[in-house]
C-alpha atoms as a PDB file:
ATOM      1  CA  MET A   1      -0.410   0.055   0.199  1.00  0.00           C
ATOM      2  CA  SER A   2       3.260   2.095   0.860  1.00  0.00           C
ATOM      3  CA  VAL A   3       4.569   1.798  -2.854  1.00  0.00           C
ATOM      4  CA  LEU A   4       1.022   2.798  -4.123  1.00  0.00           C
ATOM      5  CA  PHE A   5       0.612   5.886  -2.280  1.00  0.00           C
ATOM      6  CA  ALA A   6       3.896   6.836  -3.017  1.00  0.00           C
ATOM      7  CA  GLN A   7       3.296   7.454  -6.188  1.00  0.00           C
ATOM      8  CA  THR A   8      -0.066   9.135  -5.633  1.00  0.00           C
ATOM      9  CA  ARG A   9       0.085  13.298  -6.165  1.00  0.00           C
ATOM     10  CA  VAL A  10      -2.939  14.597  -4.735  1.00  0.00           C
ATOM     11  CA  ILE A  11      -4.181  18.082  -4.729  1.00  0.00           C
ATOM     12  CA  ALA A  12      -7.051  19.953  -2.778  1.00  0.00           C
ATOM     13  CA  PHE A  13      -9.088  22.650  -3.418  1.00  0.00           C
ATOM     14  CA  GLY A  14     -10.625  25.593  -1.250  1.00  0.00           C
ATOM     15  CA  ALA A  15     -12.376  28.277  -1.206  1.00  0.00           C
ATOM     16  CA  HIS A  16     -10.894  29.971   1.737  1.00  0.00           C
ATOM     17  CA  PRO A  17      -7.276  30.180   3.765  1.00  0.00           C
ATOM     18  CA  ASP A  18      -8.643  27.159   6.406  1.00  0.00           C
ATOM     19  CA  ASP A  19     -11.288  25.206   3.761  1.00  0.00           C
ATOM     20  CA  CYS A  20      -9.267  22.333   3.062  1.00  0.00           C
ATOM     21  CA  ASP A  21      -7.548  22.268   6.043  1.00  0.00           C
ATOM     22  CA  ILE A  22     -11.268  21.885   8.100  1.00  0.00           C
ATOM     23  CA  ARG A  23     -12.426  18.936   5.318  1.00  0.00           C
ATOM     24  CA  ALA A  24      -9.068  16.954   4.724  1.00  0.00           C
ATOM     25  CA  ALA A  25      -6.097  17.366   6.389  1.00  0.00           C
ATOM     26  CA  GLY A  26      -6.669  14.054   8.083  1.00  0.00           C
ATOM     27  CA  THR A  27      -6.808  13.104   4.991  1.00  0.00           C
ATOM     28  CA  ALA A  28      -3.976  15.047   3.721  1.00  0.00           C
ATOM     29  CA  ALA A  29      -1.698  13.588   6.710  1.00  0.00           C
ATOM     30  CA  LEU A  30      -2.664   9.897   6.314  1.00  0.00           C
ATOM     31  CA  PHE A  31      -1.321  10.424   2.526  1.00  0.00           C
ATOM     32  CA  LYS A  32       1.707  12.299   3.804  1.00  0.00           C
ATOM     33  CA  ALA A  33       2.571   9.528   6.409  1.00  0.00           C
ATOM     34  CA  SER A  34       2.006   6.558   3.354  1.00  0.00           C
ATOM     35  CA  GLY A  35       4.587   8.809   1.020  1.00  0.00           C
ATOM     36  CA  ALA A  36       2.119  10.180  -1.397  1.00  0.00           C
ATOM     37  CA  VAL A  37       2.979  14.671  -2.418  1.00  0.00           C
ATOM     38  CA  VAL A  38      -0.111  16.419  -1.179  1.00  0.00           C
ATOM     39  CA  LYS A  39      -0.367  20.252  -1.796  1.00  0.00           C
ATOM     40  CA  PHE A  40      -3.529  22.456  -0.497  1.00  0.00           C
ATOM     41  CA  VAL A  41      -4.972  25.513  -2.464  1.00  0.00           C
ATOM     42  CA  SER A  42      -6.860  28.609  -1.218  1.00  0.00           C
ATOM     43  CA  VAL A  43      -8.759  29.979  -4.521  1.00  0.00           C
ATOM     44  CA  THR A  44      -8.814  33.422  -2.758  1.00  0.00           C
ATOM     45  CA  ASN A  45      -6.836  34.908  -0.339  1.00  0.00           C
ATOM     46  CA  GLY A  46      -9.318  35.212   2.903  1.00  0.00           C
ATOM     47  CA  ASP A  47      -9.591  38.925   2.875  1.00  0.00           C
ATOM     48  CA  ALA A  48     -12.200  39.700   4.694  1.00  0.00           C
ATOM     49  CA  GLY A  49     -13.267  36.593   6.559  1.00  0.00           C
ATOM     50  CA  HIS A  50     -12.160  38.546  10.362  1.00  0.00           C
ATOM     51  CA  GLN A  51     -14.158  40.796  12.545  1.00  0.00           C
ATOM     52  CA  SER A  52     -12.037  43.853  12.652  1.00  0.00           C
ATOM     53  CA  MET A  53      -8.721  43.164  10.316  1.00  0.00           C
ATOM     54  CA  HIS A  54      -9.390  43.379   6.367  1.00  0.00           C
ATOM     55  CA  GLY A  55      -7.411  43.790   2.855  1.00  0.00           C
ATOM     56  CA  ALA A  56      -3.871  42.939   2.517  1.00  0.00           C
ATOM     57  CA  GLU A  57      -3.065  42.921   6.137  1.00  0.00           C
ATOM     58  CA  LEU A  58      -4.988  39.996   6.839  1.00  0.00           C
ATOM     59  CA  ALA A  59      -4.477  37.997   3.608  1.00  0.00           C
ATOM     60  CA  ALA A  60      -0.544  38.701   4.205  1.00  0.00           C
ATOM     61  CA  ARG A  61      -1.809  36.862   8.607  1.00  0.00           C
ATOM     62  CA  ARG A  62      -3.993  34.283   6.528  1.00  0.00           C
ATOM     63  CA  LEU A  63      -1.030  33.108   3.801  1.00  0.00           C
ATOM     64  CA  GLY A  64       1.213  33.157   7.030  1.00  0.00           C
ATOM     65  CA  GLU A  65      -1.070  30.877   8.718  1.00  0.00           C
ATOM     66  CA  ALA A  66      -1.228  28.546   5.969  1.00  0.00           C
ATOM     67  CA  LYS A  67       2.317  28.428   5.416  1.00  0.00           C
ATOM     68  CA  GLU A  68       2.457  27.147   8.708  1.00  0.00           C
ATOM     69  CA  SER A  69      -0.517  24.282   8.645  1.00  0.00           C
ATOM     70  CA  ALA A  70       2.040  23.449   5.584  1.00  0.00           C
ATOM     71  CA  ARG A  71       4.690  22.899   7.837  1.00  0.00           C
ATOM     72  CA  ARG A  72       3.011  21.218  10.301  1.00  0.00           C
ATOM     73  CA  LEU A  73       1.169  18.342   7.946  1.00  0.00           C
ATOM     74  CA  GLY A  74       4.584  18.934   5.446  1.00  0.00           C
ATOM     75  CA  ILE A  75       2.828  19.380   2.822  1.00  0.00           C
ATOM     76  CA  GLU A  76       2.725  22.307   0.219  1.00  0.00           C
ATOM     77  CA  TYR A  77       0.323  25.484   0.113  1.00  0.00           C
ATOM     78  CA  GLU A  78      -0.680  28.251  -1.636  1.00  0.00           C
ATOM     79  CA  VAL A  79      -2.622  31.242  -2.065  1.00  0.00           C
ATOM     80  CA  LEU A  80      -3.955  32.289  -4.811  1.00  0.00           C
ATOM     81  CA  ASP A  81      -4.677  36.012  -5.326  1.00  0.00           C
ATOM     82  CA  ASN A  82      -7.952  36.549  -5.289  1.00  0.00           C
ATOM     83  CA  HIS A  83     -10.562  38.392  -3.170  1.00  0.00           C
ATOM     84  CA  ASP A  84     -12.627  36.853  -0.488  1.00  0.00           C
ATOM     85  CA  GLY A  85     -16.711  37.379  -1.182  1.00  0.00           C
ATOM     86  CA  GLU A  86     -16.182  37.653  -4.676  1.00  0.00           C
ATOM     87  CA  LEU A  87     -15.369  34.656  -6.711  1.00  0.00           C
ATOM     88  CA  LEU A  88     -16.944  34.014  -9.558  1.00  0.00           C
ATOM     89  CA  PRO A  89     -16.402  31.058 -11.620  1.00  0.00           C
ATOM     90  CA  THR A  90     -14.973  32.998 -14.428  1.00  0.00           C
ATOM     91  CA  LEU A  91     -12.497  31.532 -17.187  1.00  0.00           C
ATOM     92  CA  GLU A  92      -9.861  33.514 -15.647  1.00  0.00           C
ATOM     93  CA  VAL A  93     -10.184  31.593 -12.322  1.00  0.00           C
ATOM     94  CA  ARG A  94     -10.967  28.252 -14.572  1.00  0.00           C
ATOM     95  CA  ARG A  95      -7.760  29.015 -15.931  1.00  0.00           C
ATOM     96  CA  GLN A  96      -6.235  28.829 -12.763  1.00  0.00           C
ATOM     97  CA  ILE A  97      -7.233  25.762 -11.326  1.00  0.00           C
ATOM     98  CA  ILE A  98      -6.487  23.815 -14.650  1.00  0.00           C
ATOM     99  CA  ARG A  99      -3.183  25.565 -14.396  1.00  0.00           C
ATOM    100  CA  GLN A 100      -3.021  24.475 -10.448  1.00  0.00           C
ATOM    101  CA  ILE A 101      -3.503  20.542 -11.280  1.00  0.00           C
ATOM    102  CA  ARG A 102      -1.393  20.633 -14.654  1.00  0.00           C
ATOM    103  CA  LEU A 103       1.834  21.781 -12.657  1.00  0.00           C
ATOM    104  CA  TRP A 104       1.197  19.455  -9.714  1.00  0.00           C
ATOM    105  CA  ASN A 105       0.786  16.398 -12.056  1.00  0.00           C
ATOM    106  CA  ALA A 106      -2.084  15.186 -10.129  1.00  0.00           C
ATOM    107  CA  ASP A 107      -3.821  11.954  -9.509  1.00  0.00           C
ATOM    108  CA  ILE A 108      -6.354  12.907  -7.134  1.00  0.00           C
ATOM    109  CA  VAL A 109      -8.348  15.958  -6.842  1.00  0.00           C
ATOM    110  CA  LEU A 110     -10.108  16.894  -3.656  1.00  0.00           C
ATOM    111  CA  ALA A 111     -13.110  19.408  -3.572  1.00  0.00           C
ATOM    112  CA  PRO A 112     -16.021  21.171  -2.055  1.00  0.00           C
ATOM    113  CA  ARG A 113     -19.648  20.151  -3.667  1.00  0.00           C
ATOM    114  CA  PRO A 114     -21.368  23.058  -5.456  1.00  0.00           C
ATOM    115  CA  ASN A 115     -24.205  22.880  -3.146  1.00  0.00           C
ATOM    116  CA  ASP A 116     -23.430  25.337  -0.022  1.00  0.00           C
ATOM    117  CA  TYR A 117     -24.506  29.160   1.829  1.00  0.00           C
ATOM    118  CA  HIS A 118     -21.077  30.190   1.223  1.00  0.00           C
ATOM    119  CA  PRO A 119     -21.008  31.669  -3.013  1.00  0.00           C
ATOM    120  CA  ASP A 120     -17.126  31.224  -2.873  1.00  0.00           C
ATOM    121  CA  HIS A 121     -17.404  27.658  -1.190  1.00  0.00           C
ATOM    122  CA  ARG A 122     -19.924  27.369  -4.481  1.00  0.00           C
ATOM    123  CA  TYR A 123     -17.988  28.655  -6.436  1.00  0.00           C
ATOM    124  CA  THR A 124     -14.696  27.019  -5.231  1.00  0.00           C
ATOM    125  CA  GLY A 125     -16.889  23.271  -6.133  1.00  0.00           C
ATOM    126  CA  VAL A 126     -18.190  24.865 -10.325  1.00  0.00           C
ATOM    127  CA  LEU A 127     -14.600  25.841 -10.620  1.00  0.00           C
ATOM    128  CA  VAL A 128     -13.078  22.759 -10.452  1.00  0.00           C
ATOM    129  CA  GLN A 129     -15.558  20.561 -12.106  1.00  0.00           C
ATOM    130  CA  ASP A 130     -15.549  22.700 -15.399  1.00  0.00           C
ATOM    131  CA  ALA A 131     -11.703  22.563 -15.503  1.00  0.00           C
ATOM    132  CA  ALA A 132     -12.076  18.948 -14.680  1.00  0.00           C
ATOM    133  CA  TYR A 133     -12.349  17.741 -17.783  1.00  0.00           C
ATOM    134  CA  MET A 134      -9.869  20.231 -19.904  1.00  0.00           C
ATOM    135  CA  VAL A 135      -7.157  19.441 -17.638  1.00  0.00           C
ATOM    136  CA  VAL A 136      -6.007  16.771 -20.082  1.00  0.00           C
ATOM    137  CA  VAL A 137      -7.443  19.312 -23.858  1.00  0.00           C
ATOM    138  CA  PRO A 138      -3.534  20.038 -25.339  1.00  0.00           C
ATOM    139  CA  HIS A 139      -4.792  23.080 -27.116  1.00  0.00           C
ATOM    140  CA  LEU A 140      -6.114  24.805 -24.402  1.00  0.00           C
ATOM    141  CA  MET A 141      -3.728  26.790 -22.539  1.00  0.00           C
ATOM    142  CA  PRO A 142      -0.549  24.580 -24.241  1.00  0.00           C
ATOM    143  CA  GLU A 143       1.834  27.039 -22.531  1.00  0.00           C
ATOM    144  CA  VAL A 144       1.019  24.681 -19.326  1.00  0.00           C
ATOM    145  CA  PRO A 145       1.146  20.802 -21.214  1.00  0.00           C
ATOM    146  CA  ALA A 146      -1.816  18.607 -21.016  1.00  0.00           C
ATOM    147  CA  LEU A 147      -2.280  15.669 -18.397  1.00  0.00           C
ATOM    148  CA  ARG A 148      -2.071  12.700 -20.051  1.00  0.00           C
ATOM    149  CA  LYS A 149      -4.659  10.896 -18.197  1.00  0.00           C
ATOM    150  CA  ASN A 150      -7.828  12.701 -15.987  1.00  0.00           C
ATOM    151  CA  PRO A 151      -7.328  12.638 -12.217  1.00  0.00           C
ATOM    152  CA  VAL A 152      -9.389  11.103  -9.844  1.00  0.00           C
ATOM    153  CA  PHE A 153     -11.882  13.836  -8.307  1.00  0.00           C
ATOM    154  CA  LEU A 154     -13.258  13.810  -5.225  1.00  0.00           C
ATOM    155  CA  TYR A 155     -15.773  15.827  -2.723  1.00  0.00           C
ATOM    156  CA  TYR A 156     -15.126  16.471   0.710  1.00  0.00           C
ATOM    157  CA  GLU A 157     -17.900  15.298   2.674  1.00  0.00           C
ATOM    158  CA  ASP A 158     -20.741  17.776   3.453  1.00  0.00           C
ATOM    159  CA  ASN A 159     -24.507  18.024   5.019  1.00  0.00           C
ATOM    160  CA  PHE A 160     -26.252  19.909   1.874  1.00  0.00           C
ATOM    161  CA  GLN A 161     -29.227  18.276   0.975  1.00  0.00           C
ATOM    162  CA  ARG A 162     -30.398  19.669  -2.050  1.00  0.00           C
ATOM    163  CA  PRO A 163     -30.213  19.743  -4.926  1.00  0.00           C
ATOM    164  CA  ASN A 164     -28.809  16.241  -3.848  1.00  0.00           C
ATOM    165  CA  PRO A 165     -28.158  14.486  -0.409  1.00  0.00           C
ATOM    166  CA  PHE A 166     -24.024  14.262   0.021  1.00  0.00           C
ATOM    167  CA  ARG A 167     -23.287  10.448  -0.288  1.00  0.00           C
ATOM    168  CA  PRO A 168     -20.294   9.174   0.505  1.00  0.00           C
ATOM    169  CA  ASP A 169     -18.656   6.282  -0.946  1.00  0.00           C
ATOM    170  CA  ILE A 170     -15.108   6.202   0.484  1.00  0.00           C
ATOM    171  CA  VAL A 171     -14.644   6.825   4.576  1.00  0.00           C
ATOM    172  CA  VAL A 172     -11.537   7.614   5.811  1.00  0.00           C
ATOM    173  CA  ASP A 173     -10.699   6.937   9.189  1.00  0.00           C
ATOM    174  CA  LEU A 174      -9.180   9.911  11.050  1.00  0.00           C
ATOM    175  CA  ASP A 175      -8.203   7.956  14.649  1.00  0.00           C
ATOM    176  CA  PRO A 176      -4.048   7.358  13.752  1.00  0.00           C
ATOM    177  CA  VAL A 177      -4.188  11.226  12.488  1.00  0.00           C
ATOM    178  CA  ILE A 178      -6.436  13.364  14.850  1.00  0.00           C
ATOM    179  CA  ASP A 179      -3.853  15.240  16.355  1.00  0.00           C
ATOM    180  CA  LYS A 180      -2.345  15.857  12.824  1.00  0.00           C
ATOM    181  CA  LYS A 181      -5.103  17.403  11.691  1.00  0.00           C
ATOM    182  CA  ILE A 182      -6.085  19.467  15.435  1.00  0.00           C
ATOM    183  CA  ASP A 183      -2.062  20.986  14.642  1.00  0.00           C
ATOM    184  CA  ALA A 184      -3.006  22.118  11.288  1.00  0.00           C
ATOM    185  CA  LEU A 185      -6.592  23.620  12.175  1.00  0.00           C
ATOM    186  CA  ASP A 186      -4.935  25.489  15.213  1.00  0.00           C
ATOM    187  CA  SER A 187      -2.820  27.092  12.565  1.00  0.00           C
ATOM    188  CA  HIS A 188      -5.000  29.076  11.863  1.00  0.00           C
ATOM    189  CA  VAL A 189      -5.439  31.685  14.755  1.00  0.00           C
ATOM    190  CA  SER A 190      -7.092  34.488  12.761  1.00  0.00           C
ATOM    191  CA  GLN A 191     -10.296  31.683  12.303  1.00  0.00           C
ATOM    192  CA  PHE A 192     -10.521  29.570  15.042  1.00  0.00           C
ATOM    193  CA  TYR A 193      -9.354  31.934  17.959  1.00  0.00           C
ATOM    194  CA  GLU A 194     -11.209  34.884  16.553  1.00  0.00           C
ATOM    195  CA  TRP A 195     -13.385  35.211  14.130  1.00  0.00           C
ATOM    196  CA  ALA A 196     -15.293  31.300  14.293  1.00  0.00           C
ATOM    197  CA  ALA A 197     -14.880  32.217  18.304  1.00  0.00           C
ATOM    198  CA  LEU A 198     -16.634  35.322  17.819  1.00  0.00           C
ATOM    199  CA  GLY A 199     -19.486  34.084  15.714  1.00  0.00           C
ATOM    200  CA  GLY A 200     -18.057  34.347  12.191  1.00  0.00           C
ATOM    201  CA  ARG A 201     -20.934  36.726  11.072  1.00  0.00           C
ATOM    202  CA  GLN A 202     -20.862  39.640  13.110  1.00  0.00           C
ATOM    203  CA  THR A 203     -19.954  43.349  12.475  1.00  0.00           C
ATOM    204  CA  VAL A 204     -18.471  46.001  15.124  1.00  0.00           C
ATOM    205  CA  GLY A 205     -20.646  46.824  17.030  1.00  0.00           C
ATOM    206  CA  GLY A 206     -23.343  44.726  15.994  1.00  0.00           C
ATOM    207  CA  PRO A 207     -25.172  41.929  18.013  1.00  0.00           C
ATOM    208  CA  GLY A 208     -22.633  39.006  19.394  1.00  0.00           C
ATOM    209  CA  ARG A 209     -23.874  35.157  19.228  1.00  0.00           C
ATOM    210  CA  CYS A 210     -21.442  34.876  21.847  1.00  0.00           C
ATOM    211  CA  SER A 211     -22.936  35.379  25.543  1.00  0.00           C
ATOM    212  CA  GLY A 212     -26.530  37.016  24.406  1.00  0.00           C
ATOM    213  CA  ALA A 213     -26.805  40.485  23.536  1.00  0.00           C
ATOM    214  CA  GLN A 214     -23.014  41.141  23.534  1.00  0.00           C
ATOM    215  CA  SER A 215     -21.371  43.359  21.555  1.00  0.00           C
ATOM    216  CA  LEU A 216     -18.467  42.390  19.199  1.00  0.00           C
ATOM    217  CA  ALA A 217     -16.275  45.663  21.027  1.00  0.00           C
ATOM    218  CA  GLU A 218     -17.747  44.072  24.672  1.00  0.00           C
ATOM    219  CA  ALA A 219     -16.329  40.248  23.032  1.00  0.00           C
ATOM    220  CA  GLU A 220     -13.271  41.193  22.385  1.00  0.00           C
ATOM    221  CA  ALA A 221     -12.610  42.947  25.434  1.00  0.00           C
ATOM    222  CA  ASP A 222     -13.361  40.057  27.116  1.00  0.00           C
ATOM    223  CA  ALA A 223     -11.068  38.504  25.382  1.00  0.00           C
ATOM    224  CA  ALA A 224      -8.364  41.243  25.496  1.00  0.00           C
ATOM    225  CA  ALA A 225      -8.985  40.864  29.647  1.00  0.00           C
ATOM    226  CA  LYS A 226      -7.915  36.928  29.629  1.00  0.00           C
ATOM    227  CA  PRO A 227      -3.832  35.499  30.233  1.00  0.00           C
ATOM    228  CA  ALA A 228      -2.174  36.505  26.821  1.00  0.00           C
ATOM    229  CA  SER A 229      -1.221  32.959  25.281  1.00  0.00           C
ATOM    230  CA  PRO A 230       2.317  32.836  24.127  1.00  0.00           C
ATOM    231  CA  ARG A 231       3.076  33.954  20.753  1.00  0.00           C
ATOM    232  CA  ILE A 232       4.760  31.842  17.847  1.00  0.00           C
ATOM    233  CA  ALA A 233       5.843  33.419  14.535  1.00  0.00           C
ATOM    234  CA  GLY A 234       4.174  36.645  15.303  1.00  0.00           C
ATOM    235  CA  GLU A 235       0.784  36.246  15.321  1.00  0.00           C
ATOM    236  CA  MET A 236       0.986  32.835  15.789  1.00  0.00           C
ATOM    237  CA  VAL A 237      -0.848  31.688  18.936  1.00  0.00           C
ATOM    238  CA  ARG A 238      -0.151  28.827  20.924  1.00  0.00           C
ATOM    239  CA  PRO A 239      -3.459  27.086  22.468  1.00  0.00           C
ATOM    240  CA  GLY A 240      -3.964  25.556  25.450  1.00  0.00           C
ATOM    241  CA  LYS A 241      -5.358  22.573  25.762  1.00  0.00           C
ATOM    242  CA  ARG A 242      -8.961  23.940  27.334  1.00  0.00           C
ATOM    243  CA  GLU A 243      -8.761  26.106  23.853  1.00  0.00           C
ATOM    244  CA  ARG A 244      -7.963  23.103  21.692  1.00  0.00           C
ATOM    245  CA  SER A 245     -10.447  20.953  22.475  1.00  0.00           C
ATOM    246  CA  GLN A 246     -13.086  24.074  22.083  1.00  0.00           C
ATOM    247  CA  ILE A 247     -11.727  23.266  18.824  1.00  0.00           C
ATOM    248  CA  LEU A 248     -12.596  19.590  18.630  1.00  0.00           C
ATOM    249  CA  ARG A 249     -16.200  20.050  19.589  1.00  0.00           C
ATOM    250  CA  GLY A 250     -16.801  23.261  17.297  1.00  0.00           C
ATOM    251  CA  LEU A 251     -15.734  20.945  14.191  1.00  0.00           C
ATOM    252  CA  ARG A 252     -18.678  18.101  13.132  1.00  0.00           C
ATOM    253  CA  ASP A 253     -17.702  14.357  12.193  1.00  0.00           C
ATOM    254  CA  LEU A 254     -13.723  14.806  12.853  1.00  0.00           C
ATOM    255  CA  ARG A 255     -13.032  10.943  13.611  1.00  0.00           C
ATOM    256  CA  ILE A 256     -14.813  10.043  11.464  1.00  0.00           C
ATOM    257  CA  ARG A 257     -13.876  11.787   7.617  1.00  0.00           C
ATOM    258  CA  ARG A 258     -15.561  11.106   4.311  1.00  0.00           C
ATOM    259  CA  PRO A 259     -14.031  12.355   1.331  1.00  0.00           C
ATOM    260  CA  ALA A 260     -17.036  12.439  -1.619  1.00  0.00           C
ATOM    261  CA  ARG A 261     -17.322  10.798  -4.142  1.00  0.00           C
ATOM    262  CA  ARG A 262     -16.104  11.172  -8.017  1.00  0.00           C
ATOM    263  CA  ILE A 263     -17.721  14.339 -10.075  1.00  0.00           C
ATOM    264  CA  ALA A 264     -19.263  13.628 -13.144  1.00  0.00           C
ATOM    265  CA  TYR A 265     -16.086  13.113 -15.191  1.00  0.00           C
ATOM    266  CA  PRO A 266     -14.515  10.530 -15.243  1.00  0.00           C
ATOM    267  CA  PRO A 267     -17.321   8.391 -14.082  1.00  0.00           C
ATOM    268  CA  ILE A 268     -18.179   7.077 -11.013  1.00  0.00           C
ATOM    269  CA  ILE A 269     -16.179   4.268  -9.128  1.00  0.00           C
ATOM    270  CA  PRO A 270     -19.580   3.147  -7.528  1.00  0.00           C
ATOM    271  CA  ASP A 271     -19.473   1.880  -3.515  1.00  0.00           C
ATOM    272  CA  ALA A 272     -15.783   2.350  -4.023  1.00  0.00           C
ATOM    273  CA  SER A 273     -13.182   1.651  -0.982  1.00  0.00           C
ATOM    274  CA  LEU A 274     -10.203   3.947  -0.638  1.00  0.00           C
ATOM    275  CA  ASN A 275      -7.927   0.606  -1.848  1.00  0.00           C
ATOM    276  CA  ARG A 276      -9.775  -0.478  -4.565  1.00  0.00           C
ATOM    277  CA  LEU A 277      -9.844   3.191  -5.750  1.00  0.00           C
ATOM    278  CA  LEU A 278      -5.995   3.778  -5.340  1.00  0.00           C
ATOM    279  CA  LEU A 279      -5.639   0.650  -7.718  1.00  0.00           C
ATOM    280  CA  SER A 280      -7.800   1.488 -10.353  1.00  0.00           C
ATOM    281  CA  LEU A 281      -5.085   4.904 -10.713  1.00  0.00           C
END
């Protein structure tokens, strides 16, 4: 099995610089441990995902967090320079996706389904789906050699029911690497200890979801009054056990990850296990 994985090149796409970690960090750790090479790609730079920071300052911070996650997982991580919250399935961005898949010479591509509450998530799924066949067309973007075989395309697990509920074909047990996954998530301080911790939807001075009608400013003041955690790499904060346990409670279905069924092209392998899938490459 290790020999098969050692020949495998995996690329995962997410809309924002923590999305791949949420959906596939455990699977990435398993691939890496077996000798595969793995790359995460964020299709936007995440420059809008925070309650107070924004723009170039936030984009630079989130790039640093992505690089720290990559270091902890032993993988590569690239953040594309498209604005957060403004992603559209344009030809320009489709070309970016095709370029990433071709340059990585991918065997396996992971991506979200185009069903989601967030337009960036939906359009990331659409963009990867639109690129799925085009990566093998030689006269499209001839400056980047087309792949000689089409990769296996997989969807991440999700809970959306319409228009089609998610149906897993592959189940991956994350018990051996659950700490690796948490370590990767822990890298994204701006998201898991600031933005998500305050509700992820708030505006300064607006109603908070942390404690009744508490405003964001009040919530930030409460956080500031707590003892500071030690800092690493400038903005990086290393949380304690209590804080790390909050991540675990906040994420669903960590111990059994169900990364997804294949998209329409190439054809779906019905009822595939991970072993059978890799043997089919």
